[in-house]
């Protein structure tokens, strides 16, 4: 009986460690997603012309014309 309790305690400790690690991973991914969303908004704003219409490099005439 003592061995079984010890084994369960060990398994619980390992699961707690795994849960903590998963929480850290999720938190890090959330930060990355927030950064990516901010970067996407920045790039979207950069692609707009001052009058609010779509514009940007894809609508510019190349310098050799």
N, C-alpha and C. Protein backbone atom coordinates (compact mmCIF):
# COMPACT_ATOMS: atom_id res chain seq x y z
N UNK A 1 0.82 -1.19 0.00
CA UNK A 1 0.00 0.00 0.00
C UNK A 1 0.87 1.26 0.00
N UNK A 2 1.94 1.24 0.78
CA UNK A 2 2.86 2.39 0.86
C UNK A 2 3.49 2.69 -0.50
N UNK A 3 3.86 1.63 -1.24
CA UNK A 3 4.46 1.81 -2.57
C UNK A 3 3.47 2.48 -3.53
N UNK A 4 2.24 2.06 -3.42
CA UNK A 4 1.21 2.62 -4.30
C UNK A 4 1.00 4.11 -4.02
N UNK A 5 0.98 4.50 -2.77
CA UNK A 5 0.82 5.91 -2.40
C UNK A 5 2.02 6.72 -2.89
N UNK A 6 3.21 6.17 -2.72
CA UNK A 6 4.43 6.84 -3.19
C UNK A 6 4.39 7.03 -4.69
N UNK A 7 3.98 6.00 -5.42
CA UNK A 7 3.88 6.08 -6.87
C UNK A 7 2.88 7.16 -7.29
N UNK A 8 1.75 7.22 -6.61
CA UNK A 8 0.74 8.25 -6.93
C UNK A 8 1.26 9.65 -6.62
N UNK A 9 2.00 9.80 -5.54
CA UNK A 9 2.58 11.10 -5.20
C UNK A 9 3.58 11.53 -6.25
N UNK A 10 4.38 10.59 -6.73
CA UNK A 10 5.36 10.90 -7.78
C UNK A 10 4.65 11.32 -9.06
N UNK A 11 3.63 10.56 -9.44
CA UNK A 11 2.88 10.89 -10.65
C UNK A 11 2.22 12.26 -10.53
N UNK A 12 1.68 12.57 -9.38
CA UNK A 12 1.05 13.87 -9.16
C UNK A 12 2.07 14.99 -9.28
N UNK A 13 3.25 14.79 -8.71
CA UNK A 13 4.31 15.81 -8.80
C UNK A 13 4.72 16.03 -10.25
N UNK A 14 4.86 14.94 -11.02
CA UNK A 14 5.22 15.06 -12.43
C UNK A 14 4.12 15.77 -13.22
N UNK A 15 2.87 15.48 -12.91
CA UNK A 15 1.76 16.15 -13.59
C UNK A 15 1.72 17.63 -13.25
N UNK A 16 2.01 17.97 -12.00
CA UNK A 16 2.07 19.39 -11.62
C UNK A 16 3.16 20.11 -12.40
N UNK A 17 4.32 19.48 -12.52
CA UNK A 17 5.42 20.08 -13.30
C UNK A 17 5.01 20.26 -14.75
N UNK A 18 4.38 19.25 -15.33
CA UNK A 18 3.94 19.33 -16.72
C UNK A 18 2.91 20.43 -16.90
N UNK A 19 1.98 20.55 -15.97
CA UNK A 19 0.96 21.59 -16.04
C UNK A 19 1.59 22.98 -15.96
N UNK A 20 2.57 23.15 -15.09
CA UNK A 20 3.28 24.44 -15.00
C UNK A 20 3.98 24.77 -16.31
N UNK A 21 4.63 23.78 -16.90
CA UNK A 21 5.33 23.99 -18.17
C UNK A 21 4.33 24.35 -19.28
N UNK A 22 3.21 23.65 -19.33
CA UNK A 22 2.19 23.95 -20.34
C UNK A 22 1.63 25.36 -20.16
N UNK A 23 1.44 25.78 -18.92
CA UNK A 23 0.98 27.14 -18.66
C UNK A 23 1.98 28.17 -19.15
N UNK A 24 3.27 27.91 -18.97
CA UNK A 24 4.30 28.82 -19.46
C UNK A 24 4.28 28.88 -20.99
N UNK A 25 4.11 27.74 -21.63
CA UNK A 25 4.06 27.69 -23.09
C UNK A 25 2.86 28.48 -23.61
N UNK A 26 1.71 28.29 -22.99
CA UNK A 26 0.50 29.00 -23.42
C UNK A 26 0.68 30.50 -23.22
N UNK A 27 1.25 30.91 -22.11
CA UNK A 27 1.47 32.34 -21.85
C UNK A 27 2.42 32.92 -22.89
N UNK A 28 3.48 32.20 -23.23
CA UNK A 28 4.44 32.67 -24.23
C UNK A 28 3.78 32.76 -25.60
N UNK A 29 2.95 31.78 -25.95
CA UNK A 29 2.25 31.82 -27.23
C UNK A 29 1.26 32.98 -27.28
N UNK A 30 0.62 33.27 -26.17
CA UNK A 30 -0.31 34.41 -26.12
C UNK A 30 0.44 35.71 -26.37
N UNK A 31 1.61 35.85 -25.78
CA UNK A 31 2.42 37.05 -26.01
C UNK A 31 2.82 37.15 -27.48
N UNK A 32 3.20 36.01 -28.07
CA UNK A 32 3.58 36.02 -29.48
C UNK A 32 2.41 36.38 -30.37
N UNK A 33 1.23 35.85 -30.06
CA UNK A 33 0.05 36.17 -30.86
C UNK A 33 -0.30 37.65 -30.74
N UNK A 34 -0.18 38.21 -29.55
CA UNK A 34 -0.45 39.64 -29.38
C UNK A 34 0.54 40.47 -30.17
N UNK A 35 1.82 40.07 -30.15
CA UNK A 35 2.83 40.80 -30.91
C UNK A 35 2.54 40.69 -32.40
N UNK A 36 2.18 39.50 -32.87
CA UNK A 36 1.88 39.32 -34.29
C UNK A 36 0.66 40.12 -34.72
N UNK A 37 -0.37 40.17 -33.88
CA UNK A 37 -1.56 40.96 -34.20
C UNK A 37 -1.19 42.44 -34.28
N UNK A 38 -0.36 42.91 -33.36
CA UNK A 38 0.08 44.30 -33.38
C UNK A 38 0.89 44.58 -34.65
N UNK A 39 1.76 43.67 -35.00
CA UNK A 39 2.58 43.83 -36.21
C UNK A 39 1.70 43.82 -37.46
N UNK A 40 0.71 42.97 -37.49
CA UNK A 40 -0.22 42.92 -38.62
C UNK A 40 -0.97 44.25 -38.75
N UNK A 41 -1.44 44.79 -37.62
CA UNK A 41 -2.12 46.09 -37.66
C UNK A 41 -1.17 47.17 -38.17
N UNK A 42 0.08 47.13 -37.70
CA UNK A 42 1.07 48.13 -38.14
C UNK A 42 1.31 48.03 -39.64
N UNK A 43 1.47 46.82 -40.14
CA UNK A 43 1.70 46.63 -41.57
C UNK A 43 0.48 47.03 -42.39
N UNK A 44 -0.71 46.73 -41.87
CA UNK A 44 -1.93 47.11 -42.56
C UNK A 44 -2.03 48.63 -42.65
N UNK A 45 -1.72 49.31 -41.55
CA UNK A 45 -1.74 50.78 -41.54
C UNK A 45 -0.70 51.34 -42.51
N UNK A 46 0.43 50.69 -42.56
CA UNK A 46 1.51 51.14 -43.45
C UNK A 46 1.11 51.01 -44.91
N UNK A 47 0.29 50.03 -45.23
CA UNK A 47 -0.12 49.81 -46.62
C UNK A 47 -1.21 50.78 -47.07
N UNK A 48 -1.83 51.47 -46.14
CA UNK A 48 -2.88 52.43 -46.48
C UNK A 48 -2.25 53.78 -46.85
N UNK A 49 -2.87 54.46 -47.78
CA UNK A 49 -2.40 55.80 -48.14
C UNK A 49 -2.99 56.79 -47.15
N UNK A 50 -2.48 58.01 -47.13
CA UNK A 50 -2.97 59.00 -46.17
C UNK A 50 -4.48 59.27 -46.26
N UNK A 51 -5.08 59.12 -47.43
CA UNK A 51 -6.51 59.41 -47.54
C UNK A 51 -7.37 58.22 -47.11
N UNK A 52 -6.75 57.14 -46.64
CA UNK A 52 -7.49 56.00 -46.10
C UNK A 52 -7.79 54.91 -47.11
N UNK A 53 -7.53 55.16 -48.39
CA UNK A 53 -7.78 54.12 -49.38
C UNK A 53 -6.59 53.17 -49.44
N UNK A 54 -6.81 52.03 -50.05
CA UNK A 54 -5.72 51.07 -50.18
C UNK A 54 -4.67 51.64 -51.12
N UNK A 55 -3.45 51.39 -50.84
CA UNK A 55 -2.36 51.87 -51.67
C UNK A 55 -1.11 51.15 -51.28
N UNK A 56 -0.01 51.77 -51.47
CA UNK A 56 1.24 51.19 -51.03
C UNK A 56 2.11 50.76 -52.19
N UNK A 57 3.14 50.00 -51.90
CA UNK A 57 4.14 49.63 -52.92
C UNK A 57 3.55 48.92 -54.13
N UNK A 58 2.52 48.12 -53.95
CA UNK A 58 1.98 47.38 -55.09
C UNK A 58 1.30 48.31 -56.10
N UNK A 59 0.98 49.57 -55.71
CA UNK A 59 0.32 50.51 -56.62
C UNK A 59 1.28 51.58 -57.15
N UNK A 60 2.52 51.51 -56.73
CA UNK A 60 3.49 52.50 -57.18
C UNK A 60 4.06 52.11 -58.53
N UNK A 61 4.40 53.10 -59.32
CA UNK A 61 5.03 52.84 -60.62
C UNK A 61 6.52 52.59 -60.36
N UNK A 62 7.06 51.53 -60.91
CA UNK A 62 8.49 51.26 -60.72
C UNK A 62 9.35 52.40 -61.23
N UNK A 63 10.54 52.61 -60.65
CA UNK A 63 11.38 53.76 -61.01
C UNK A 63 11.85 53.74 -62.47
N UNK A 64 11.87 52.61 -63.14
CA UNK A 64 12.36 52.58 -64.52
C UNK A 64 11.33 53.05 -65.53
N UNK A 65 10.11 53.44 -65.12
CA UNK A 65 9.11 53.95 -66.05
C UNK A 65 9.20 55.44 -66.16
